[in-house]
Amino acid sequence: MYKIDNIDVKIVNLILENGRMPASEIARQIDGISARVVRYRIDRMVEEGVISISAIVKPKAFGLDTYADVWMEVESDQILEVANTLVEFENVTYVACSIGETDVSIQVVAKDTTEIYQFVTEVVRKIPGVRKTITSIVPVVLKDVYQWRIPEGNAEDENE
């Protein structure tokens, strides 16, 4: 397991604020470390799989203003097959298998609720193995996965 310290947390949080922030600016804001150390730490965290750096596409910029969460009950022997089928759709932004009342959950983006309705009724419900769907329109997203921060208790003291 990767041991992250408070400096790594500060670096990650600054990158989350602005993924294009130069290492020199990160070093200036952290005080006490050089841009070279910042670049080394970023490279190490990427290599260790702690972070990845990439662009985040905003569906609303393309007129996809409507979001929906869809939960599915699926035949037990077809859960992964259904989930893998759903991964292939461009309008599906998230796919997960779960344990509980539902077996697979997805997030869908679309132009409007009509498009969501058509996708769920004409595509999702017709996938072999899907028994039942529950759809919820999501009018407001306050926090998304790319805004998640490392919990403070997970950082080790630099002096240890």
N, C-alpha and C. Protein backbone atom coordinates (compact mmCIF):
# COMPACT_ATOMS: atom_id res chain seq x y z
N MET A 1 0.84 -1.18 0.00
CA MET A 1 0.00 0.00 0.00
C MET A 1 0.89 1.25 0.00
N TYR A 2 0.54 2.21 -0.81
CA TYR A 2 1.28 3.46 -0.92
C TYR A 2 1.09 4.29 0.34
N LYS A 3 2.18 4.80 0.89
CA LYS A 3 2.10 5.66 2.07
C LYS A 3 2.12 7.11 1.61
N ILE A 4 1.00 7.76 1.79
CA ILE A 4 0.87 9.15 1.36
C ILE A 4 1.08 10.06 2.57
N ASP A 5 1.80 11.16 2.38
CA ASP A 5 2.01 12.09 3.48
C ASP A 5 1.27 13.40 3.20
N ASN A 6 1.38 14.32 4.13
CA ASN A 6 0.64 15.59 4.01
C ASN A 6 1.07 16.41 2.79
N ILE A 7 2.33 16.31 2.40
CA ILE A 7 2.79 17.03 1.20
C ILE A 7 2.12 16.45 -0.04
N ASP A 8 2.05 15.12 -0.13
CA ASP A 8 1.35 14.48 -1.25
C ASP A 8 -0.11 14.94 -1.30
N VAL A 9 -0.75 14.99 -0.13
CA VAL A 9 -2.16 15.42 -0.07
C VAL A 9 -2.29 16.84 -0.60
N LYS A 10 -1.39 17.73 -0.20
CA LYS A 10 -1.44 19.12 -0.67
C LYS A 10 -1.25 19.18 -2.18
N ILE A 11 -0.30 18.39 -2.69
CA ILE A 11 -0.07 18.36 -4.14
C ILE A 11 -1.32 17.88 -4.87
N VAL A 12 -1.90 16.78 -4.40
CA VAL A 12 -3.11 16.24 -5.05
C VAL A 12 -4.24 17.26 -5.01
N ASN A 13 -4.45 17.90 -3.88
CA ASN A 13 -5.53 18.87 -3.78
C ASN A 13 -5.33 20.06 -4.71
N LEU A 14 -4.09 20.51 -4.88
CA LEU A 14 -3.83 21.61 -5.82
C LEU A 14 -4.07 21.16 -7.26
N ILE A 15 -3.68 19.93 -7.58
CA ILE A 15 -3.94 19.41 -8.94
C ILE A 15 -5.44 19.28 -9.17
N LEU A 16 -6.19 18.88 -8.14
CA LEU A 16 -7.65 18.78 -8.27
C LEU A 16 -8.27 20.15 -8.55
N GLU A 17 -7.73 21.18 -7.97
CA GLU A 17 -8.22 22.54 -8.21
C GLU A 17 -7.91 23.00 -9.63
N ASN A 18 -6.71 22.65 -10.10
CA ASN A 18 -6.28 23.06 -11.43
C ASN A 18 -5.29 22.03 -11.95
N GLY A 19 -5.78 21.12 -12.79
CA GLY A 19 -4.95 20.04 -13.31
C GLY A 19 -3.81 20.50 -14.20
N ARG A 20 -3.83 21.77 -14.59
CA ARG A 20 -2.77 22.29 -15.45
C ARG A 20 -1.78 23.16 -14.68
N MET A 21 -1.91 23.18 -13.36
CA MET A 21 -1.01 23.99 -12.54
C MET A 21 0.42 23.48 -12.67
N PRO A 22 1.35 24.37 -13.02
CA PRO A 22 2.75 23.94 -13.15
C PRO A 22 3.34 23.53 -11.80
N ALA A 23 4.31 22.64 -11.86
CA ALA A 23 4.98 22.17 -10.64
C ALA A 23 5.59 23.34 -9.87
N SER A 24 6.09 24.34 -10.59
CA SER A 24 6.68 25.50 -9.92
C SER A 24 5.65 26.26 -9.08
N GLU A 25 4.42 26.36 -9.57
CA GLU A 25 3.35 27.03 -8.82
C GLU A 25 2.92 26.18 -7.63
N ILE A 26 2.85 24.87 -7.81
CA ILE A 26 2.51 23.97 -6.70
C ILE A 26 3.57 24.11 -5.61
N ALA A 27 4.85 24.11 -5.98
CA ALA A 27 5.94 24.25 -5.02
C ALA A 27 5.84 25.59 -4.29
N ARG A 28 5.52 26.64 -5.02
CA ARG A 28 5.40 27.96 -4.40
C ARG A 28 4.29 27.97 -3.35
N GLN A 29 3.17 27.31 -3.66
CA GLN A 29 2.04 27.31 -2.74
C GLN A 29 2.26 26.40 -1.53
N ILE A 30 3.08 25.38 -1.68
CA ILE A 30 3.32 24.47 -0.56
C ILE A 30 4.44 25.01 0.34
N ASP A 31 5.39 25.71 -0.21
CA ASP A 31 6.47 26.32 0.57
C ASP A 31 7.37 25.27 1.21
N GLY A 32 8.61 25.33 0.87
CA GLY A 32 9.57 24.41 1.47
C GLY A 32 9.96 23.24 0.59
N ILE A 33 9.35 23.13 -0.60
CA ILE A 33 9.75 22.08 -1.53
C ILE A 33 9.99 22.71 -2.90
N SER A 34 10.78 22.03 -3.69
CA SER A 34 11.11 22.55 -5.02
C SER A 34 10.16 21.99 -6.08
N ALA A 35 10.16 22.61 -7.23
CA ALA A 35 9.35 22.13 -8.36
C ALA A 35 9.80 20.72 -8.76
N ARG A 36 11.10 20.47 -8.63
CA ARG A 36 11.64 19.14 -8.97
C ARG A 36 11.04 18.07 -8.04
N VAL A 37 10.94 18.38 -6.75
CA VAL A 37 10.35 17.44 -5.79
C VAL A 37 8.87 17.23 -6.12
N VAL A 38 8.18 18.29 -6.49
CA VAL A 38 6.75 18.18 -6.86
C VAL A 38 6.60 17.25 -8.05
N ARG A 39 7.40 17.45 -9.09
CA ARG A 39 7.33 16.59 -10.28
C ARG A 39 7.63 15.14 -9.92
N TYR A 40 8.64 14.92 -9.08
CA TYR A 40 8.99 13.56 -8.66
C TYR A 40 7.81 12.92 -7.92
N ARG A 41 7.21 13.64 -7.00
CA ARG A 41 6.11 13.08 -6.22
C ARG A 41 4.90 12.79 -7.11
N ILE A 42 4.60 13.68 -8.03
CA ILE A 42 3.47 13.45 -8.96
C ILE A 42 3.76 12.20 -9.78
N ASP A 43 4.94 12.12 -10.36
CA ASP A 43 5.31 10.94 -11.17
C ASP A 43 5.20 9.66 -10.35
N ARG A 44 5.68 9.70 -9.11
CA ARG A 44 5.64 8.51 -8.24
C ARG A 44 4.19 8.11 -7.94
N MET A 45 3.33 9.10 -7.65
CA MET A 45 1.92 8.77 -7.36
C MET A 45 1.22 8.21 -8.59
N VAL A 46 1.57 8.72 -9.77
CA VAL A 46 0.98 8.18 -11.00
C VAL A 46 1.47 6.75 -11.22
N GLU A 47 2.76 6.52 -11.08
CA GLU A 47 3.33 5.18 -11.27
C GLU A 47 2.77 4.16 -10.29
N GLU A 48 2.51 4.59 -9.06
CA GLU A 48 1.99 3.70 -8.01
C GLU A 48 0.48 3.51 -8.10
N GLY A 49 -0.17 4.23 -9.02
CA GLY A 49 -1.61 4.09 -9.19
C GLY A 49 -2.43 4.83 -8.14
N VAL A 50 -1.82 5.78 -7.45
CA VAL A 50 -2.52 6.57 -6.44
C VAL A 50 -3.40 7.62 -7.12
N ILE A 51 -2.90 8.22 -8.18
CA ILE A 51 -3.65 9.21 -8.94
C ILE A 51 -3.47 8.93 -10.42
N SER A 52 -4.38 9.47 -11.21
CA SER A 52 -4.19 9.53 -12.65
C SER A 52 -4.56 10.94 -13.06
N ILE A 53 -3.91 11.41 -14.08
CA ILE A 53 -4.15 12.77 -14.54
C ILE A 53 -4.73 12.69 -15.94
N SER A 54 -5.92 13.25 -16.09
CA SER A 54 -6.58 13.22 -17.39
C SER A 54 -7.60 14.35 -17.48
N ALA A 55 -8.14 14.53 -18.66
CA ALA A 55 -9.18 15.54 -18.85
C ALA A 55 -10.52 15.01 -18.33
N ILE A 56 -11.35 15.91 -17.85
CA ILE A 56 -12.69 15.55 -17.39
C ILE A 56 -13.67 16.21 -18.35
N VAL A 57 -14.42 15.39 -19.07
CA VAL A 57 -15.39 15.89 -20.04
C VAL A 57 -16.67 16.27 -19.29
N LYS A 58 -17.21 17.42 -19.61
CA LYS A 58 -18.44 17.90 -19.00
C LYS A 58 -19.59 17.70 -19.99
N PRO A 59 -20.45 16.70 -19.76
CA PRO A 59 -21.54 16.41 -20.71
C PRO A 59 -22.42 17.63 -21.03
N LYS A 60 -22.62 18.51 -20.07
CA LYS A 60 -23.48 19.68 -20.30
C LYS A 60 -22.94 20.57 -21.42
N ALA A 61 -21.63 20.56 -21.63
CA ALA A 61 -21.03 21.35 -22.71
C ALA A 61 -21.49 20.86 -24.09
N PHE A 62 -22.03 19.63 -24.14
CA PHE A 62 -22.48 19.04 -25.40
C PHE A 62 -24.00 18.94 -25.46
N GLY A 63 -24.67 19.70 -24.58
CA GLY A 63 -26.13 19.70 -24.57
C GLY A 63 -26.75 18.52 -23.84
N LEU A 64 -25.95 17.76 -23.13
CA LEU A 64 -26.46 16.62 -22.37
C LEU A 64 -26.71 17.09 -20.94
N ASP A 65 -27.88 17.72 -20.73
CA ASP A 65 -28.21 18.38 -19.47
C ASP A 65 -28.96 17.51 -18.48
N THR A 66 -29.40 16.34 -18.91
CA THR A 66 -30.23 15.50 -18.05
C THR A 66 -29.45 14.26 -17.63
N TYR A 67 -29.44 14.04 -16.32
CA TYR A 67 -28.75 12.89 -15.74
C TYR A 67 -29.78 11.99 -15.09
N ALA A 68 -29.52 10.69 -15.13
CA ALA A 68 -30.38 9.73 -14.44
C ALA A 68 -29.54 8.61 -13.87
N ASP A 69 -29.94 8.15 -12.70
CA ASP A 69 -29.37 6.94 -12.13
C ASP A 69 -30.35 5.82 -12.40
N VAL A 70 -29.85 4.69 -12.86
CA VAL A 70 -30.70 3.55 -13.16
C VAL A 70 -30.15 2.34 -12.41
N TRP A 71 -31.00 1.73 -11.60
CA TRP A 71 -30.63 0.52 -10.86
C TRP A 71 -31.37 -0.65 -11.46
N MET A 72 -30.69 -1.79 -11.56
CA MET A 72 -31.28 -2.96 -12.20
C MET A 72 -31.21 -4.20 -11.33
N GLU A 73 -32.29 -4.95 -11.36
CA GLU A 73 -32.29 -6.31 -10.86
C GLU A 73 -31.96 -7.17 -12.07
N VAL A 74 -30.99 -8.06 -11.91
CA VAL A 74 -30.51 -8.86 -13.03
C VAL A 74 -30.45 -10.33 -12.61
N GLU A 75 -30.69 -11.22 -13.55
CA GLU A 75 -30.52 -12.65 -13.29
C GLU A 75 -29.12 -12.86 -12.73
N SER A 76 -29.00 -13.64 -11.67
CA SER A 76 -27.72 -13.77 -10.95
C SER A 76 -26.57 -14.26 -11.81
N ASP A 77 -26.85 -15.08 -12.79
CA ASP A 77 -25.77 -15.60 -13.62
C ASP A 77 -25.42 -14.69 -14.80
N GLN A 78 -26.08 -13.52 -14.87
CA GLN A 78 -25.83 -12.61 -15.99
C GLN A 78 -25.40 -11.21 -15.55
N ILE A 79 -25.09 -11.03 -14.28
CA ILE A 79 -24.77 -9.69 -13.77
C ILE A 79 -23.59 -9.07 -14.51
N LEU A 80 -22.48 -9.76 -14.57
CA LEU A 80 -21.30 -9.19 -15.25
C LEU A 80 -21.53 -9.01 -16.75
N GLU A 81 -22.25 -9.93 -17.34
CA GLU A 81 -22.56 -9.82 -18.77
C GLU A 81 -23.38 -8.56 -19.05
N VAL A 82 -24.41 -8.31 -18.22
CA VAL A 82 -25.23 -7.11 -18.37
C VAL A 82 -24.39 -5.86 -18.15
N ALA A 83 -23.59 -5.86 -17.08
CA ALA A 83 -22.75 -4.70 -16.78
C ALA A 83 -21.78 -4.41 -17.92
N ASN A 84 -21.15 -5.44 -18.45
CA ASN A 84 -20.21 -5.24 -19.56
C ASN A 84 -20.91 -4.76 -20.82
N THR A 85 -22.15 -5.16 -21.03
CA THR A 85 -22.92 -4.65 -22.17
C THR A 85 -23.16 -3.16 -22.01
N LEU A 86 -23.52 -2.73 -20.80
CA LEU A 86 -23.83 -1.32 -20.54
C LEU A 86 -22.61 -0.41 -20.65
N VAL A 87 -21.44 -0.95 -20.39
CA VAL A 87 -20.20 -0.18 -20.50
C VAL A 87 -20.03 0.38 -21.91
N GLU A 88 -20.53 -0.33 -22.91
CA GLU A 88 -20.32 0.03 -24.30
C GLU A 88 -21.14 1.22 -24.80
N PHE A 89 -22.16 1.65 -24.06
CA PHE A 89 -23.01 2.75 -24.52
C PHE A 89 -22.37 4.10 -24.21
N GLU A 90 -22.33 4.98 -25.22
CA GLU A 90 -21.69 6.29 -25.07
C GLU A 90 -22.40 7.19 -24.06
N ASN A 91 -23.69 7.01 -23.89
CA ASN A 91 -24.44 7.87 -22.97
C ASN A 91 -24.42 7.36 -21.53
N VAL A 92 -23.73 6.26 -21.29
CA VAL A 92 -23.60 5.71 -19.94
C VAL A 92 -22.25 6.16 -19.39
N THR A 93 -22.28 6.92 -18.28
CA THR A 93 -21.05 7.50 -17.72
C THR A 93 -20.48 6.69 -16.56
N TYR A 94 -21.26 5.76 -16.03
CA TYR A 94 -20.85 5.01 -14.84
C TYR A 94 -21.56 3.67 -14.86
N VAL A 95 -20.83 2.60 -14.57
CA VAL A 95 -21.42 1.26 -14.46
C VAL A 95 -20.79 0.59 -13.25
N ALA A 96 -21.62 0.00 -12.40
CA ALA A 96 -21.10 -0.72 -11.23
C ALA A 96 -21.99 -1.91 -10.91
N CYS A 97 -21.38 -2.93 -10.36
CA CYS A 97 -22.12 -4.07 -9.82
C CYS A 97 -22.21 -3.87 -8.32
N SER A 98 -23.33 -4.29 -7.75
CA SER A 98 -23.52 -4.07 -6.32
C SER A 98 -24.12 -5.29 -5.65
N ILE A 99 -24.16 -5.23 -4.34
CA ILE A 99 -24.76 -6.28 -3.54
C ILE A 99 -25.89 -5.63 -2.77
N GLY A 100 -27.06 -6.20 -2.84
CA GLY A 100 -28.20 -5.62 -2.13
C GLY A 100 -29.46 -5.78 -2.96
N GLU A 101 -30.33 -4.78 -2.90
CA GLU A 101 -31.60 -4.86 -3.61
C GLU A 101 -31.43 -4.86 -5.12
N THR A 102 -30.38 -4.20 -5.60
CA THR A 102 -30.14 -4.16 -7.04
C THR A 102 -28.77 -4.76 -7.33
N ASP A 103 -28.58 -5.16 -8.58
CA ASP A 103 -27.36 -5.85 -8.97
C ASP A 103 -26.40 -5.00 -9.80
N VAL A 104 -26.96 -4.10 -10.62
CA VAL A 104 -26.15 -3.24 -11.48
C VAL A 104 -26.72 -1.84 -11.40
N SER A 105 -25.83 -0.85 -11.36
CA SER A 105 -26.29 0.53 -11.41
C SER A 105 -25.50 1.28 -12.47
N ILE A 106 -26.17 2.23 -13.11
CA ILE A 106 -25.53 3.05 -14.14
C ILE A 106 -25.97 4.49 -13.98
N GLN A 107 -25.17 5.39 -14.54
CA GLN A 107 -25.60 6.77 -14.70
C GLN A 107 -25.67 7.03 -16.20
N VAL A 108 -26.74 7.71 -16.59
CA VAL A 108 -26.99 8.00 -18.00
C VAL A 108 -27.07 9.51 -18.18
N VAL A 109 -26.50 10.03 -19.27
CA VAL A 109 -26.65 11.44 -19.62
C VAL A 109 -27.42 11.51 -20.93
N ALA A 110 -28.24 12.56 -21.05
CA ALA A 110 -29.07 12.71 -22.25
C ALA A 110 -29.47 14.18 -22.43
N LYS A 111 -30.09 14.46 -23.58
CA LYS A 111 -30.58 15.81 -23.85
C LYS A 111 -31.78 16.16 -22.98
N ASP A 112 -32.63 15.15 -22.73
CA ASP A 112 -33.85 15.42 -21.97
C ASP A 112 -34.40 14.12 -21.38
N THR A 113 -35.50 14.23 -20.64
CA THR A 113 -36.07 13.05 -20.00
C THR A 113 -36.65 12.06 -21.00
N THR A 114 -37.10 12.56 -22.12
CA THR A 114 -37.63 11.66 -23.16
C THR A 114 -36.53 10.72 -23.65
N GLU A 115 -35.36 11.26 -23.85
CA GLU A 115 -34.23 10.45 -24.30
C GLU A 115 -33.85 9.41 -23.23
N ILE A 116 -33.89 9.81 -21.98
CA ILE A 116 -33.63 8.86 -20.87
C ILE A 116 -34.67 7.75 -20.90
N TYR A 117 -35.93 8.13 -21.00
CA TYR A 117 -37.03 7.16 -21.01
C TYR A 117 -36.86 6.16 -22.15
N GLN A 118 -36.56 6.66 -23.34
CA GLN A 118 -36.38 5.78 -24.49
C GLN A 118 -35.21 4.83 -24.29
N PHE A 119 -34.10 5.33 -23.75
CA PHE A 119 -32.94 4.48 -23.53
C PHE A 119 -33.24 3.38 -22.52
N VAL A 120 -33.88 3.75 -21.42
CA VAL A 120 -34.16 2.75 -20.38
C VAL A 120 -35.17 1.72 -20.89
N THR A 121 -36.26 2.17 -21.52
CA THR A 121 -37.31 1.23 -21.93
C THR A 121 -36.97 0.45 -23.19
N GLU A 122 -36.28 1.06 -24.13
CA GLU A 122 -36.02 0.40 -25.41
C GLU A 122 -34.65 -0.29 -25.50
N VAL A 123 -33.75 0.08 -24.60
CA VAL A 123 -32.41 -0.53 -24.64
C VAL A 123 -32.14 -1.33 -23.37
N VAL A 124 -32.10 -0.65 -22.23
CA VAL A 124 -31.71 -1.30 -20.99
C VAL A 124 -32.63 -2.46 -20.64
N ARG A 125 -33.94 -2.23 -20.66
CA ARG A 125 -34.88 -3.29 -20.27
C ARG A 125 -34.90 -4.47 -21.24
N LYS A 126 -34.36 -4.29 -22.42
CA LYS A 126 -34.34 -5.37 -23.40
C LYS A 126 -33.03 -6.16 -23.40
N ILE A 127 -32.11 -5.78 -22.54
CA ILE A 127 -30.87 -6.54 -22.43
C ILE A 127 -31.19 -7.86 -21.74
N PRO A 128 -30.81 -8.98 -22.34
CA PRO A 128 -31.10 -10.28 -21.72
C PRO A 128 -30.56 -10.35 -20.28
N GLY A 129 -31.43 -10.76 -19.37
CA GLY A 129 -31.04 -10.89 -17.97
C GLY A 129 -31.57 -9.78 -17.08
N VAL A 130 -31.93 -8.64 -17.67
CA VAL A 130 -32.46 -7.53 -16.87
C VAL A 130 -33.91 -7.85 -16.53
N ARG A 131 -34.22 -7.93 -15.23
CA ARG A 131 -35.57 -8.24 -14.76
C ARG A 131 -36.37 -6.99 -14.43
N LYS A 132 -35.72 -5.98 -13.87
CA LYS A 132 -36.43 -4.81 -13.38
C LYS A 132 -35.48 -3.62 -13.36
N THR A 133 -36.01 -2.43 -13.64
CA THR A 133 -35.21 -1.21 -13.53
C THR A 133 -35.92 -0.21 -12.63
N ILE A 134 -35.12 0.60 -11.97
CA ILE A 134 -35.62 1.74 -11.20
C ILE A 134 -34.82 2.93 -11.69
N THR A 135 -35.50 3.97 -12.15
CA THR A 135 -34.82 5.14 -12.70
C THR A 135 -35.13 6.36 -11.86
N SER A 136 -34.10 7.14 -11.62
CA SER A 136 -34.25 8.37 -10.86
C SER A 136 -33.55 9.49 -11.61
N ILE A 137 -34.30 10.54 -11.96
CA ILE A 137 -33.70 11.71 -12.61
C ILE A 137 -32.90 12.46 -11.56
N VAL A 138 -31.71 12.93 -11.92
CA VAL A 138 -30.82 13.62 -11.00
C VAL A 138 -30.75 15.10 -11.42
N PRO A 139 -31.53 15.96 -10.77
CA PRO A 139 -31.53 17.37 -11.17
C PRO A 139 -30.33 18.17 -10.68
N VAL A 140 -29.69 17.75 -9.59
CA VAL A 140 -28.56 18.50 -9.03
C VAL A 140 -27.49 17.53 -8.58
N VAL A 141 -26.25 17.77 -8.98
CA VAL A 141 -25.10 17.01 -8.50
C VAL A 141 -24.23 18.00 -7.73
N LEU A 142 -24.07 17.77 -6.45
CA LEU A 142 -23.29 18.67 -5.61
C LEU A 142 -21.81 18.29 -5.53
N LYS A 143 -21.53 17.01 -5.69
CA LYS A 143 -20.15 16.53 -5.63
C LYS A 143 -20.05 15.31 -6.53
N ASP A 144 -19.01 15.28 -7.35
CA ASP A 144 -18.80 14.16 -8.24
C ASP A 144 -17.48 13.49 -7.88
N VAL A 145 -17.22 12.32 -8.43
CA VAL A 145 -16.06 11.52 -8.06
C VAL A 145 -14.76 12.29 -8.28
N TYR A 146 -14.66 13.12 -9.29
CA TYR A 146 -13.42 13.83 -9.56
C TYR A 146 -13.20 14.97 -8.56
N GLN A 147 -14.16 15.23 -7.68
CA GLN A 147 -14.00 16.25 -6.64
C GLN A 147 -13.65 15.63 -5.29
N TRP A 148 -13.54 14.32 -5.24
CA TRP A 148 -13.24 13.61 -3.99
C TRP A 148 -11.84 13.97 -3.52
N ARG A 149 -11.68 14.18 -2.24
CA ARG A 149 -10.40 14.51 -1.64
C ARG A 149 -9.91 13.34 -0.77
N ILE A 150 -8.62 13.22 -0.62
CA ILE A 150 -8.03 12.20 0.25
C ILE A 150 -8.40 12.54 1.69
N PRO A 151 -9.00 11.61 2.43
CA PRO A 151 -9.33 11.90 3.83
C PRO A 151 -8.07 12.22 4.63
N GLU A 152 -8.17 13.25 5.47
CA GLU A 152 -7.01 13.70 6.24
C GLU A 152 -6.36 12.58 7.04
N GLY A 153 -7.14 11.68 7.59
CA GLY A 153 -6.60 10.60 8.41
C GLY A 153 -5.76 9.59 7.64
N ASN A 154 -5.77 9.66 6.31
CA ASN A 154 -5.01 8.71 5.50
C ASN A 154 -3.57 9.15 5.25
N ALA A 155 -3.25 10.41 5.57
CA ALA A 155 -1.89 10.91 5.35
C ALA A 155 -1.02 10.62 6.55
N GLU A 156 0.20 10.23 6.27
CA GLU A 156 1.16 9.98 7.35
C GLU A 156 1.95 11.26 7.59
N ASP A 157 2.42 11.42 8.79
CA ASP A 157 3.25 12.57 9.14
C ASP A 157 4.56 12.46 8.40
N GLU A 158 5.00 13.57 7.79
CA GLU A 158 6.26 13.55 7.02
C GLU A 158 7.46 13.18 7.87
N ASN A 159 7.37 13.40 9.17
CA ASN A 159 8.51 13.17 10.06
C ASN A 159 8.63 11.72 10.51
N GLU A 160 7.68 10.88 10.17
CA GLU A 160 7.73 9.47 10.60
C GLU A 160 8.71 8.68 9.79
